[in-house]
Amino acid sequence: MGGHGGKAGRAKGPYIIGSATSGILEILIFHPVDTVAKRLMSNTEAIFQTGSKDNMSRLAKVLFKDSVNKSFFGKWMSLFPGVSFGAAYKVMQRTYKFSAQPILRDYMARNYGKQFASAFGKGNSRDMTNACAGALVGIGEVFLLPLDVLKIKSQTNPEVLKGRGLRDLIVNENFKLYRGIGWTAARNCPGSFALFGANSLVYTRGFGVSGPKEAKGYQIFLGSMAGGTASIMVSSPLDVIKTRIQNKPFDDPRSGFKVFADLMKQEGPHALFKGMTPKLGLIGPKLVFSFTVAQSLIARIQRTYVEKGWDVDPDAKE
């Protein structure tokens, strides 16, 4: 995401505002779409019947269920069932990931730029700085693990959460919410390396620009698509292990290595790639959307900051 920093770090506001906005928009746009799709797939009765005047009423009943007679806002809110853990995790994750990576990248470029150029060559140093900063940020993402664990359990094993509030879960389960922290870090590191590395590679090698601030809209989109696809493919095997660990009941004592061993013994190596196609088809668009929005907004807000004198573009001095 973007070029090397100069002698001074960029203002942090654009990174945080752009990243947080991308996470919020992702929830607002994709969660209702996902809810609508699931409700339509779960419906067993014919909605559109020939000659019937009640087709739209039946459709509304399927989509909005008990909120069908509520106001527009009430109907809209009915499309966000069980969004609490997911929304909190997604907004915090996107804000952290998409803002911390460029900040860390700028720091690494200012302080270790010569070492990167010496180790990887001047032409590759920008891409490797982006990728390595992404990998470190990915490892740091484990601090959000409790929300991720609760989100996954609410989606796949909701019985263990019934009748339990957030306070009860934190007090009584405490460190169990960090179960699988090592596997999560091992999955996030290469995944984020691929996300930001492939994204940077498309900019520098594909389009000959340093990053989003010089790129056109379609270039930002294609860069985000390349990064998102690479990230999902690289992290998929470890993501299977991570999900199996987090999906266990709280009283299941098996370690991550035991879960891995059981998977290999009972299902074989191909099980490590389970769900890759749905991930590329369903999770991929969400990641590409939020990554594109974050990069576009950050670049635009940075230009506004520079125009108002709140920030200085270090590359403009060179």
C-alpha atoms as a PDB file:
ATOM      1  CA  MET A   1       0.000   0.000   0.000  1.00  0.00           C
ATOM      2  CA  GLY A   2       1.921   3.035  -1.120  1.00  0.00           C
ATOM      3  CA  GLY A   3       5.492   4.104  -1.370  1.00  0.00           C
ATOM      4  CA  HIS A   4       8.473   4.483   0.865  1.00  0.00           C
ATOM      5  CA  GLY A   5       8.323   7.129   3.543  1.00  0.00           C
ATOM      6  CA  GLY A   6      10.613  10.100   3.595  1.00  0.00           C
ATOM      7  CA  LYS A   7      12.529  11.542   6.527  1.00  0.00           C
ATOM      8  CA  ALA A   8       9.378  12.248   8.503  1.00  0.00           C
ATOM      9  CA  GLY A   9       6.414  10.014   9.115  1.00  0.00           C
ATOM     10  CA  ARG A  10       3.072  10.782   7.529  1.00  0.00           C
ATOM     11  CA  ALA A  11       0.104  12.003   9.563  1.00  0.00           C
ATOM     12  CA  LYS A  12      -1.704   9.013  11.085  1.00  0.00           C
ATOM     13  CA  GLY A  13      -5.246  10.393  10.723  1.00  0.00           C
ATOM     14  CA  PRO A  14      -5.783   9.431   7.057  1.00  0.00           C
ATOM     15  CA  TYR A  15      -4.675   5.854   7.706  1.00  0.00           C
ATOM     16  CA  ILE A  16      -7.072   5.398  10.635  1.00  0.00           C
ATOM     17  CA  ILE A  17     -10.042   7.216   9.050  1.00  0.00           C
ATOM     18  CA  GLY A  18      -9.735   5.425   5.705  1.00  0.00           C
ATOM     19  CA  SER A  19      -9.271   1.989   7.259  1.00  0.00           C
ATOM     20  CA  ALA A  20     -12.095   2.325   9.794  1.00  0.00           C
ATOM     21  CA  THR A  21     -14.466   3.575   7.092  1.00  0.00           C
ATOM     22  CA  SER A  22     -13.667   0.570   4.899  1.00  0.00           C
ATOM     23  CA  GLY A  23     -14.506  -1.824   7.742  1.00  0.00           C
ATOM     24  CA  ILE A  24     -17.803  -0.067   8.521  1.00  0.00           C
ATOM     25  CA  LEU A  25     -18.842  -0.001   4.855  1.00  0.00           C
ATOM     26  CA  GLU A  26     -17.970  -3.685   4.506  1.00  0.00           C
ATOM     27  CA  ILE A  27     -20.336  -4.565   7.350  1.00  0.00           C
ATOM     28  CA  LEU A  28     -23.108  -2.239   6.134  1.00  0.00           C
ATOM     29  CA  ILE A  29     -22.991  -3.568   2.564  1.00  0.00           C
ATOM     30  CA  PHE A  30     -22.074  -7.230   2.813  1.00  0.00           C
ATOM     31  CA  HIS A  31     -23.820  -8.354   6.009  1.00  0.00           C
ATOM     32  CA  PRO A  32     -27.346  -7.530   4.724  1.00  0.00           C
ATOM     33  CA  VAL A  33     -26.524  -9.156   1.367  1.00  0.00           C
ATOM     34  CA  ASP A  34     -25.367 -12.293   3.171  1.00  0.00           C
ATOM     35  CA  THR A  35     -28.501 -12.307   5.334  1.00  0.00           C
ATOM     36  CA  VAL A  36     -30.802 -11.922   2.302  1.00  0.00           C
ATOM     37  CA  ALA A  37     -29.006 -14.752   0.481  1.00  0.00           C
ATOM     38  CA  LYS A  38     -29.259 -17.099   3.480  1.00  0.00           C
ATOM     39  CA  ARG A  39     -32.960 -16.339   4.008  1.00  0.00           C
ATOM     40  CA  LEU A  40     -33.775 -16.926   0.354  1.00  0.00           C
ATOM     41  CA  MET A  41     -31.830 -20.192   0.350  1.00  0.00           C
ATOM     42  CA  SER A  42     -33.581 -21.332   3.545  1.00  0.00           C
ATOM     43  CA  ASN A  43     -37.068 -20.567   2.228  1.00  0.00           C
ATOM     44  CA  THR A  44     -38.925 -23.703   1.088  1.00  0.00           C
ATOM     45  CA  GLU A  45     -42.132 -22.145  -0.239  1.00  0.00           C
ATOM     46  CA  ALA A  46     -42.678 -20.634  -3.677  1.00  0.00           C
ATOM     47  CA  ILE A  47     -42.491 -16.844  -3.534  1.00  0.00           C
ATOM     48  CA  PHE A  48     -43.489 -15.840  -7.048  1.00  0.00           C
ATOM     49  CA  GLN A  49     -46.700 -17.523  -8.129  1.00  0.00           C
ATOM     50  CA  THR A  50     -48.363 -17.005 -11.509  1.00  0.00           C
ATOM     51  CA  GLY A  51     -51.377 -14.701 -11.330  1.00  0.00           C
ATOM     52  CA  SER A  52     -50.864 -13.881  -7.655  1.00  0.00           C
ATOM     53  CA  LYS A  53     -50.960 -10.284  -6.414  1.00  0.00           C
ATOM     54  CA  ASP A  54     -49.147 -11.163  -3.203  1.00  0.00           C
ATOM     55  CA  ASN A  55     -45.740 -12.022  -4.664  1.00  0.00           C
ATOM     56  CA  MET A  56     -44.026  -8.928  -3.246  1.00  0.00           C
ATOM     57  CA  SER A  57     -45.679  -9.443   0.139  1.00  0.00           C
ATOM     58  CA  ARG A  58     -44.393 -13.018   0.282  1.00  0.00           C
ATOM     59  CA  LEU A  59     -40.921 -11.827  -0.708  1.00  0.00           C
ATOM     60  CA  ALA A  60     -40.956  -9.161   1.996  1.00  0.00           C
ATOM     61  CA  LYS A  61     -42.057 -11.738   4.568  1.00  0.00           C
ATOM     62  CA  VAL A  62     -39.170 -14.020   3.641  1.00  0.00           C
ATOM     63  CA  LEU A  63     -36.610 -11.207   3.686  1.00  0.00           C
ATOM     64  CA  PHE A  64     -37.716  -9.292   6.787  1.00  0.00           C
ATOM     65  CA  LYS A  65     -39.536 -12.035   8.741  1.00  0.00           C
ATOM     66  CA  ASP A  66     -41.130 -10.588  11.922  1.00  0.00           C
ATOM     67  CA  SER A  67     -40.023  -7.061  10.969  1.00  0.00           C
ATOM     68  CA  VAL A  68     -42.029  -7.024   7.760  1.00  0.00           C
ATOM     69  CA  ASN A  69     -44.454  -4.404   9.147  1.00  0.00           C
ATOM     70  CA  LYS A  70     -41.822  -2.171  10.694  1.00  0.00           C
ATOM     71  CA  SER A  71     -40.459   1.076   9.283  1.00  0.00           C
ATOM     72  CA  PHE A  72     -37.732   1.148   6.639  1.00  0.00           C
ATOM     73  CA  PHE A  73     -35.125   1.490   9.383  1.00  0.00           C
ATOM     74  CA  GLY A  74     -36.649  -1.409  11.307  1.00  0.00           C
ATOM     75  CA  LYS A  75     -36.578  -3.603   8.223  1.00  0.00           C
ATOM     76  CA  TRP A  76     -32.980  -2.588   7.516  1.00  0.00           C
ATOM     77  CA  MET A  77     -31.883  -3.434  11.062  1.00  0.00           C
ATOM     78  CA  SER A  78     -33.557  -6.854  10.778  1.00  0.00           C
ATOM     79  CA  LEU A  79     -30.927  -7.733   8.167  1.00  0.00           C
ATOM     80  CA  PHE A  80     -28.189  -7.580  10.828  1.00  0.00           C
ATOM     81  CA  PRO A  81     -28.874 -10.640  13.023  1.00  0.00           C
ATOM     82  CA  GLY A  82     -25.953 -11.807  15.149  1.00  0.00           C
ATOM     83  CA  VAL A  83     -23.758  -9.012  13.865  1.00  0.00           C
ATOM     84  CA  SER A  84     -22.323  -7.912  17.235  1.00  0.00           C
ATOM     85  CA  PHE A  85     -19.159 -10.031  17.459  1.00  0.00           C
ATOM     86  CA  GLY A  86     -18.671 -10.004  13.688  1.00  0.00           C
ATOM     87  CA  ALA A  87     -19.016  -6.227  13.352  1.00  0.00           C
ATOM     88  CA  ALA A  88     -16.745  -5.435  16.293  1.00  0.00           C
ATOM     89  CA  TYR A  89     -14.089  -7.835  15.029  1.00  0.00           C
ATOM     90  CA  LYS A  90     -14.281  -6.764  11.386  1.00  0.00           C
ATOM     91  CA  VAL A  91     -14.132  -3.007  11.994  1.00  0.00           C
ATOM     92  CA  MET A  92     -11.281  -3.319  14.501  1.00  0.00           C
ATOM     93  CA  GLN A  93      -9.410  -5.762  12.248  1.00  0.00           C
ATOM     94  CA  ARG A  94      -9.666  -3.583   9.142  1.00  0.00           C
ATOM     95  CA  THR A  95      -8.772  -0.428  11.094  1.00  0.00           C
ATOM     96  CA  TYR A  96      -5.740  -2.072  12.669  1.00  0.00           C
ATOM     97  CA  LYS A  97      -4.505  -3.913   9.590  1.00  0.00           C
ATOM     98  CA  PHE A  98      -4.938  -1.271   6.899  1.00  0.00           C
ATOM     99  CA  SER A  99      -3.682   1.602   9.072  1.00  0.00           C
ATOM    100  CA  ALA A 100      -0.862  -0.103  10.979  1.00  0.00           C
ATOM    101  CA  GLN A 101       0.748  -1.617   7.855  1.00  0.00           C
ATOM    102  CA  PRO A 102       1.509   1.675   6.046  1.00  0.00           C
ATOM    103  CA  ILE A 103       2.610   3.311   9.307  1.00  0.00           C
ATOM    104  CA  LEU A 104       5.015   0.445  10.035  1.00  0.00           C
ATOM    105  CA  ARG A 105       6.116   0.356   6.381  1.00  0.00           C
ATOM    106  CA  ASP A 106       7.009   4.049   6.489  1.00  0.00           C
ATOM    107  CA  TYR A 107       8.974   3.487   9.704  1.00  0.00           C
ATOM    108  CA  MET A 108      10.860   0.547   8.204  1.00  0.00           C
ATOM    109  CA  ALA A 109      11.582   2.486   5.003  1.00  0.00           C
ATOM    110  CA  ARG A 110      12.978   5.454   6.931  1.00  0.00           C
ATOM    111  CA  ASN A 111      15.127   3.419   9.296  1.00  0.00           C
ATOM    112  CA  TYR A 112      15.978   0.259   7.359  1.00  0.00           C
ATOM    113  CA  GLY A 113      15.553   1.305   3.743  1.00  0.00           C
ATOM    114  CA  LYS A 114      19.260   0.895   2.956  1.00  0.00           C
ATOM    115  CA  GLN A 115      19.337  -2.593   4.461  1.00  0.00           C
ATOM    116  CA  PHE A 116      16.320  -3.668   2.398  1.00  0.00           C
ATOM    117  CA  ALA A 117      17.872  -2.223  -0.775  1.00  0.00           C
ATOM    118  CA  SER A 118      21.146  -4.026  -0.033  1.00  0.00           C
ATOM    119  CA  ALA A 119      19.460  -7.366   0.726  1.00  0.00           C
ATOM    120  CA  PHE A 120      16.817  -7.439  -2.029  1.00  0.00           C
ATOM    121  CA  GLY A 121      18.004  -4.872  -4.568  1.00  0.00           C
ATOM    122  CA  LYS A 122      16.763  -1.319  -5.002  1.00  0.00           C
ATOM    123  CA  GLY A 123      14.037  -2.378  -7.418  1.00  0.00           C
ATOM    124  CA  ASN A 124      12.614  -4.940  -4.969  1.00  0.00           C
ATOM    125  CA  SER A 125      13.041  -3.073  -1.687  1.00  0.00           C
ATOM    126  CA  ARG A 126       9.690  -1.264  -1.871  1.00  0.00           C
ATOM    127  CA  ASP A 127       7.749  -4.502  -2.402  1.00  0.00           C
ATOM    128  CA  MET A 128       9.642  -6.354   0.328  1.00  0.00           C
ATOM    129  CA  THR A 129       9.181  -3.484   2.789  1.00  0.00           C
ATOM    130  CA  ASN A 130       5.434  -3.577   2.149  1.00  0.00           C
ATOM    131  CA  ALA A 131       5.321  -7.380   2.476  1.00  0.00           C
ATOM    132  CA  CYS A 132       7.432  -7.550   5.659  1.00  0.00           C
ATOM    133  CA  ALA A 133       5.478  -4.745   7.327  1.00  0.00           C
ATOM    134  CA  GLY A 134       2.304  -6.647   6.437  1.00  0.00           C
ATOM    135  CA  ALA A 135       3.662  -9.873   7.936  1.00  0.00           C
ATOM    136  CA  LEU A 136       4.513  -8.165  11.241  1.00  0.00           C
ATOM    137  CA  VAL A 137       1.103  -6.486  11.375  1.00  0.00           C
ATOM    138  CA  GLY A 138      -0.504  -9.866  10.670  1.00  0.00           C
ATOM    139  CA  ILE A 139       1.273 -11.410  13.652  1.00  0.00           C
ATOM    140  CA  GLY A 140       0.144  -8.496  15.850  1.00  0.00           C
ATOM    141  CA  GLU A 141      -3.441  -9.140  14.802  1.00  0.00           C
ATOM    142  CA  VAL A 142      -3.641 -11.913  17.416  1.00  0.00           C
ATOM    143  CA  PHE A 143      -4.672  -9.315  20.016  1.00  0.00           C
ATOM    144  CA  LEU A 144      -8.114  -9.436  18.354  1.00  0.00           C
ATOM    145  CA  LEU A 145      -8.288 -13.213  18.777  1.00  0.00           C
ATOM    146  CA  PRO A 146     -11.007 -13.271  21.488  1.00  0.00           C
ATOM    147  CA  LEU A 147     -13.458 -11.449  19.205  1.00  0.00           C
ATOM    148  CA  ASP A 148     -12.482 -13.732  16.319  1.00  0.00           C
ATOM    149  CA  VAL A 149     -13.063 -16.835  18.464  1.00  0.00           C
ATOM    150  CA  LEU A 150     -16.486 -15.614  19.602  1.00  0.00           C
ATOM    151  CA  LYS A 151     -17.426 -14.639  16.047  1.00  0.00           C
ATOM    152  CA  ILE A 152     -16.552 -18.107  14.713  1.00  0.00           C
ATOM    153  CA  LYS A 153     -18.361 -19.871  17.561  1.00  0.00           C
ATOM    154  CA  SER A 154     -21.479 -17.749  16.980  1.00  0.00           C
ATOM    155  CA  GLN A 155     -21.417 -18.800  13.321  1.00  0.00           C
ATOM    156  CA  THR A 156     -20.552 -22.487  13.654  1.00  0.00           C
ATOM    157  CA  ASN A 157     -21.165 -23.630  17.239  1.00  0.00           C
ATOM    158  CA  PRO A 158     -23.710 -21.192  18.751  1.00  0.00           C
ATOM    159  CA  GLU A 159     -24.866 -23.647  21.414  1.00  0.00           C
ATOM    160  CA  VAL A 160     -21.776 -22.930  23.537  1.00  0.00           C
ATOM    161  CA  LEU A 161     -22.687 -19.231  23.688  1.00  0.00           C
ATOM    162  CA  LYS A 162     -26.384 -19.537  24.526  1.00  0.00           C
ATOM    163  CA  GLY A 163     -27.392 -17.570  27.607  1.00  0.00           C
ATOM    164  CA  ARG A 164     -23.902 -16.168  28.107  1.00  0.00           C
ATOM    165  CA  GLY A 165     -23.035 -12.489  27.943  1.00  0.00           C
ATOM    166  CA  LEU A 166     -19.703 -11.002  26.891  1.00  0.00           C
ATOM    167  CA  ARG A 167     -18.703 -10.308  30.515  1.00  0.00           C
ATOM    168  CA  ASP A 168     -19.430 -13.911  31.524  1.00  0.00           C
ATOM    169  CA  LEU A 169     -17.392 -15.247  28.607  1.00  0.00           C
ATOM    170  CA  ILE A 170     -14.388 -13.023  29.352  1.00  0.00           C
ATOM    171  CA  VAL A 171     -14.388 -13.680  33.117  1.00  0.00           C
ATOM    172  CA  ASN A 172     -14.911 -17.440  32.977  1.00  0.00           C
ATOM    173  CA  GLU A 173     -13.159 -18.401  29.756  1.00  0.00           C
ATOM    174  CA  ASN A 174     -10.377 -15.760  29.867  1.00  0.00           C
ATOM    175  CA  PHE A 175      -7.280 -17.344  28.316  1.00  0.00           C
ATOM    176  CA  LYS A 176      -9.325 -19.990  26.517  1.00  0.00           C
ATOM    177  CA  LEU A 177     -10.343 -17.155  24.191  1.00  0.00           C
ATOM    178  CA  TYR A 178      -6.687 -17.050  23.095  1.00  0.00           C
ATOM    179  CA  ARG A 179      -6.727 -20.716  22.187  1.00  0.00           C
ATOM    180  CA  GLY A 180      -4.819 -21.279  18.952  1.00  0.00           C
ATOM    181  CA  ILE A 181      -2.815 -18.060  19.242  1.00  0.00           C
ATOM    182  CA  GLY A 182       0.307 -19.684  17.780  1.00  0.00           C
ATOM    183  CA  TRP A 183      -1.550 -21.139  14.804  1.00  0.00           C
ATOM    184  CA  THR A 184      -3.324 -17.836  14.250  1.00  0.00           C
ATOM    185  CA  ALA A 185      -0.017 -15.965  14.137  1.00  0.00           C
ATOM    186  CA  ALA A 186       1.415 -18.631  11.804  1.00  0.00           C
ATOM    187  CA  ARG A 187      -1.586 -18.209   9.503  1.00  0.00           C
ATOM    188  CA  ASN A 188      -1.663 -14.384   9.618  1.00  0.00           C
ATOM    189  CA  CYS A 189       2.052 -13.874   8.941  1.00  0.00           C
ATOM    190  CA  PRO A 190       2.265 -15.402   5.425  1.00  0.00           C
ATOM    191  CA  GLY A 191      -1.289 -14.302   4.611  1.00  0.00           C
ATOM    192  CA  SER A 192      -0.552 -10.641   5.304  1.00  0.00           C
ATOM    193  CA  PHE A 193       2.873 -10.932   3.649  1.00  0.00           C
ATOM    194  CA  ALA A 194       1.112 -12.112   0.481  1.00  0.00           C
ATOM    195  CA  LEU A 195      -1.688  -9.525   0.762  1.00  0.00           C
ATOM    196  CA  PHE A 196       0.535  -6.468   0.921  1.00  0.00           C
ATOM    197  CA  GLY A 197       3.405  -7.943  -1.083  1.00  0.00           C
ATOM    198  CA  ALA A 198       1.302  -8.943  -4.090  1.00  0.00           C
ATOM    199  CA  ASN A 199      -0.566  -5.644  -3.888  1.00  0.00           C
ATOM    200  CA  SER A 200       2.693  -3.678  -3.993  1.00  0.00           C
ATOM    201  CA  LEU A 201       4.060  -5.885  -6.779  1.00  0.00           C
ATOM    202  CA  VAL A 202       1.087  -5.062  -9.020  1.00  0.00           C
ATOM    203  CA  TYR A 203       1.678  -1.345  -8.477  1.00  0.00           C
ATOM    204  CA  THR A 204       5.428  -1.318  -9.025  1.00  0.00           C
ATOM    205  CA  ARG A 205       5.822  -4.007 -11.691  1.00  0.00           C
ATOM    206  CA  GLY A 206       2.405  -4.026 -13.314  1.00  0.00           C
ATOM    207  CA  PHE A 207       1.623  -0.318 -13.484  1.00  0.00           C
ATOM    208  CA  GLY A 208       4.940   1.377 -12.738  1.00  0.00           C
ATOM    209  CA  VAL A 209       3.607   3.444  -9.827  1.00  0.00           C
ATOM    210  CA  SER A 210       4.702   3.572  -6.202  1.00  0.00           C
ATOM    211  CA  GLY A 211       1.285   2.960  -4.706  1.00  0.00           C
ATOM    212  CA  PRO A 212      -2.340   4.151  -4.365  1.00  0.00           C
ATOM    213  CA  LYS A 213      -1.515   7.863  -4.295  1.00  0.00           C
ATOM    214  CA  GLU A 214      -0.234   7.632  -7.885  1.00  0.00           C
ATOM    215  CA  ALA A 215      -2.630   4.919  -9.085  1.00  0.00           C
ATOM    216  CA  LYS A 216      -5.933   5.218 -10.909  1.00  0.00           C
ATOM    217  CA  GLY A 217      -9.086   3.658  -9.492  1.00  0.00           C
ATOM    218  CA  TYR A 218      -8.964   0.514 -11.605  1.00  0.00           C
ATOM    219  CA  GLN A 219      -5.291   0.016 -10.695  1.00  0.00           C
ATOM    220  CA  ILE A 220      -6.122   0.167  -6.995  1.00  0.00           C
ATOM    221  CA  PHE A 221      -8.899  -2.367  -7.556  1.00  0.00           C
ATOM    222  CA  LEU A 222      -6.671  -4.771  -9.513  1.00  0.00           C
ATOM    223  CA  GLY A 223      -3.888  -4.415  -6.942  1.00  0.00           C
ATOM    224  CA  SER A 224      -6.349  -5.190  -4.145  1.00  0.00           C
ATOM    225  CA  MET A 225      -7.715  -8.183  -6.061  1.00  0.00           C
ATOM    226  CA  ALA A 226      -4.231  -9.622  -6.576  1.00  0.00           C
ATOM    227  CA  GLY A 227      -3.347  -9.120  -2.908  1.00  0.00           C
ATOM    228  CA  GLY A 228      -6.627 -10.564  -1.640  1.00  0.00           C
ATOM    229  CA  THR A 229      -6.427 -13.654  -3.859  1.00  0.00           C
ATOM    230  CA  ALA A 230      -2.791 -14.327  -2.924  1.00  0.00           C
ATOM    231  CA  SER A 231      -3.563 -13.899   0.778  1.00  0.00           C
ATOM    232  CA  ILE A 232      -6.471 -16.357   0.783  1.00  0.00           C
ATOM    233  CA  MET A 233      -4.554 -18.998  -1.181  1.00  0.00           C
ATOM    234  CA  VAL A 234      -1.414 -18.759   0.958  1.00  0.00           C
ATOM    235  CA  SER A 235      -3.180 -18.751   4.324  1.00  0.00           C
ATOM    236  CA  SER A 236      -5.889 -21.321   3.542  1.00  0.00           C
ATOM    237  CA  PRO A 237      -4.163 -24.475   4.943  1.00  0.00           C
ATOM    238  CA  LEU A 238      -3.339 -22.884   8.302  1.00  0.00           C
ATOM    239  CA  ASP A 239      -6.751 -21.199   8.341  1.00  0.00           C
ATOM    240  CA  VAL A 240      -8.380 -24.647   8.379  1.00  0.00           C
ATOM    241  CA  ILE A 241      -6.354 -25.619  11.464  1.00  0.00           C
ATOM    242  CA  LYS A 242      -7.047 -22.266  13.144  1.00  0.00           C
ATOM    243  CA  THR A 243     -10.792 -22.591  12.556  1.00  0.00           C
ATOM    244  CA  ARG A 244     -10.868 -26.189  13.852  1.00  0.00           C
ATOM    245  CA  ILE A 245      -9.085 -25.085  17.028  1.00  0.00           C
ATOM    246  CA  GLN A 246     -11.381 -22.109  17.602  1.00  0.00           C
ATOM    247  CA  ASN A 247     -14.498 -24.129  16.830  1.00  0.00           C
ATOM    248  CA  LYS A 248     -13.797 -26.671  19.576  1.00  0.00           C
ATOM    249  CA  PRO A 249     -15.950 -26.649  22.729  1.00  0.00           C
ATOM    250  CA  PHE A 250     -14.284 -24.704  25.547  1.00  0.00           C
ATOM    251  CA  ASP A 251     -13.674 -27.960  27.476  1.00  0.00           C
ATOM    252  CA  ASP A 252     -11.923 -29.761  24.583  1.00  0.00           C
ATOM    253  CA  PRO A 253      -8.262 -30.148  25.748  1.00  0.00           C
ATOM    254  CA  ARG A 254      -6.711 -31.064  22.371  1.00  0.00           C
ATOM    255  CA  SER A 255      -3.701 -28.976  21.306  1.00  0.00           C
ATOM    256  CA  GLY A 256      -3.279 -27.452  17.869  1.00  0.00           C
ATOM    257  CA  PHE A 257      -0.809 -30.155  16.878  1.00  0.00           C
ATOM    258  CA  LYS A 258      -3.274 -32.832  17.989  1.00  0.00           C
ATOM    259  CA  VAL A 259      -6.020 -31.204  15.901  1.00  0.00           C
ATOM    260  CA  PHE A 260      -3.625 -31.122  12.938  1.00  0.00           C
ATOM    261  CA  ALA A 261      -2.627 -34.755  13.457  1.00  0.00           C
ATOM    262  CA  ASP A 262      -6.253 -35.890  13.694  1.00  0.00           C
ATOM    263  CA  LEU A 263      -7.109 -33.987  10.512  1.00  0.00           C
ATOM    264  CA  MET A 264      -4.235 -35.540   8.556  1.00  0.00           C
ATOM    265  CA  LYS A 265      -5.036 -39.025   9.866  1.00  0.00           C
ATOM    266  CA  GLN A 266      -8.799 -38.945   9.358  1.00  0.00           C
ATOM    267  CA  GLU A 267      -9.180 -36.701   6.293  1.00  0.00           C
ATOM    268  CA  GLY A 268      -5.804 -36.543   4.568  1.00  0.00           C
ATOM    269  CA  PRO A 269      -3.729 -33.586   3.272  1.00  0.00           C
ATOM    270  CA  HIS A 270      -6.457 -32.401   0.897  1.00  0.00           C
ATOM    271  CA  ALA A 271      -8.496 -31.340   3.952  1.00  0.00           C
ATOM    272  CA  LEU A 272      -6.069 -28.449   4.426  1.00  0.00           C
ATOM    273  CA  PHE A 273      -7.572 -26.850   1.334  1.00  0.00           C
ATOM    274  CA  LYS A 274     -11.207 -27.294   2.320  1.00  0.00           C
ATOM    275  CA  GLY A 275     -13.275 -24.203   1.714  1.00  0.00           C
ATOM    276  CA  MET A 276     -10.779 -22.441  -0.545  1.00  0.00           C
ATOM    277  CA  THR A 277     -13.260 -22.025  -3.396  1.00  0.00           C
ATOM    278  CA  PRO A 278     -15.990 -20.545  -1.155  1.00  0.00           C
ATOM    279  CA  LYS A 279     -13.380 -18.288   0.426  1.00  0.00           C
ATOM    280  CA  LEU A 280     -12.282 -16.964  -2.961  1.00  0.00           C
ATOM    281  CA  GLY A 281     -15.903 -16.512  -4.041  1.00  0.00           C
ATOM    282  CA  LEU A 282     -17.398 -15.140  -0.814  1.00  0.00           C
ATOM    283  CA  ILE A 283     -14.626 -13.782   1.412  1.00  0.00           C
ATOM    284  CA  GLY A 284     -12.504 -12.589  -1.527  1.00  0.00           C
ATOM    285  CA  PRO A 285     -14.930  -9.862  -2.682  1.00  0.00           C
ATOM    286  CA  LYS A 286     -15.253  -8.516   0.875  1.00  0.00           C
ATOM    287  CA  LEU A 287     -11.483  -8.302   1.313  1.00  0.00           C
ATOM    288  CA  VAL A 288     -10.979  -6.763  -2.125  1.00  0.00           C
ATOM    289  CA  PHE A 289     -13.756  -4.241  -1.463  1.00  0.00           C
ATOM    290  CA  SER A 290     -12.446  -3.120   1.924  1.00  0.00           C
ATOM    291  CA  PHE A 291      -8.815  -3.067   0.733  1.00  0.00           C
ATOM    292  CA  THR A 292      -9.749  -0.992  -2.326  1.00  0.00           C
ATOM    293  CA  VAL A 293     -11.848   1.439  -0.264  1.00  0.00           C
ATOM    294  CA  ALA A 294      -9.150   1.776   2.417  1.00  0.00           C
ATOM    295  CA  GLN A 295      -6.359   2.485  -0.069  1.00  0.00           C
ATOM    296  CA  SER A 296      -8.473   4.914  -2.115  1.00  0.00           C
ATOM    297  CA  LEU A 297      -9.694   6.852   0.929  1.00  0.00           C
ATOM    298  CA  ILE A 298      -6.276   6.988   2.555  1.00  0.00           C
ATOM    299  CA  ALA A 299      -4.719   8.403  -0.618  1.00  0.00           C
ATOM    300  CA  ARG A 300      -7.523  10.954  -1.027  1.00  0.00           C
ATOM    301  CA  ILE A 301      -7.490  12.057   2.617  1.00  0.00           C
ATOM    302  CA  GLN A 302      -3.698  12.364   2.527  1.00  0.00           C
ATOM    303  CA  ARG A 303      -3.958  14.730  -0.441  1.00  0.00           C
ATOM    304  CA  THR A 304      -6.496  16.807   1.511  1.00  0.00           C
ATOM    305  CA  TYR A 305      -4.186  16.882   4.536  1.00  0.00           C
ATOM    306  CA  VAL A 306      -1.289  18.082   2.375  1.00  0.00           C
ATOM    307  CA  GLU A 307      -3.438  20.777   0.734  1.00  0.00           C
ATOM    308  CA  LYS A 308      -4.539  22.081   4.144  1.00  0.00           C
ATOM    309  CA  GLY A 309      -0.982  22.012   5.501  1.00  0.00           C
ATOM    310  CA  TRP A 310      -1.725  19.282   8.047  1.00  0.00           C
ATOM    311  CA  ASP A 311       0.766  16.870   6.479  1.00  0.00           C
ATOM    312  CA  VAL A 312       3.778  16.864   4.188  1.00  0.00           C
ATOM    313  CA  ASP A 313       4.283  14.364   1.379  1.00  0.00           C
ATOM    314  CA  PRO A 314       7.877  13.116   1.913  1.00  0.00           C
ATOM    315  CA  ASP A 315       8.131  11.865  -1.669  1.00  0.00           C
ATOM    316  CA  ALA A 316       7.359  15.352  -2.995  1.00  0.00           C
ATOM    317  CA  LYS A 317      10.652  16.590  -1.588  1.00  0.00           C
ATOM    318  CA  GLU A 318      12.711  14.046  -3.448  1.00  0.00           C
END
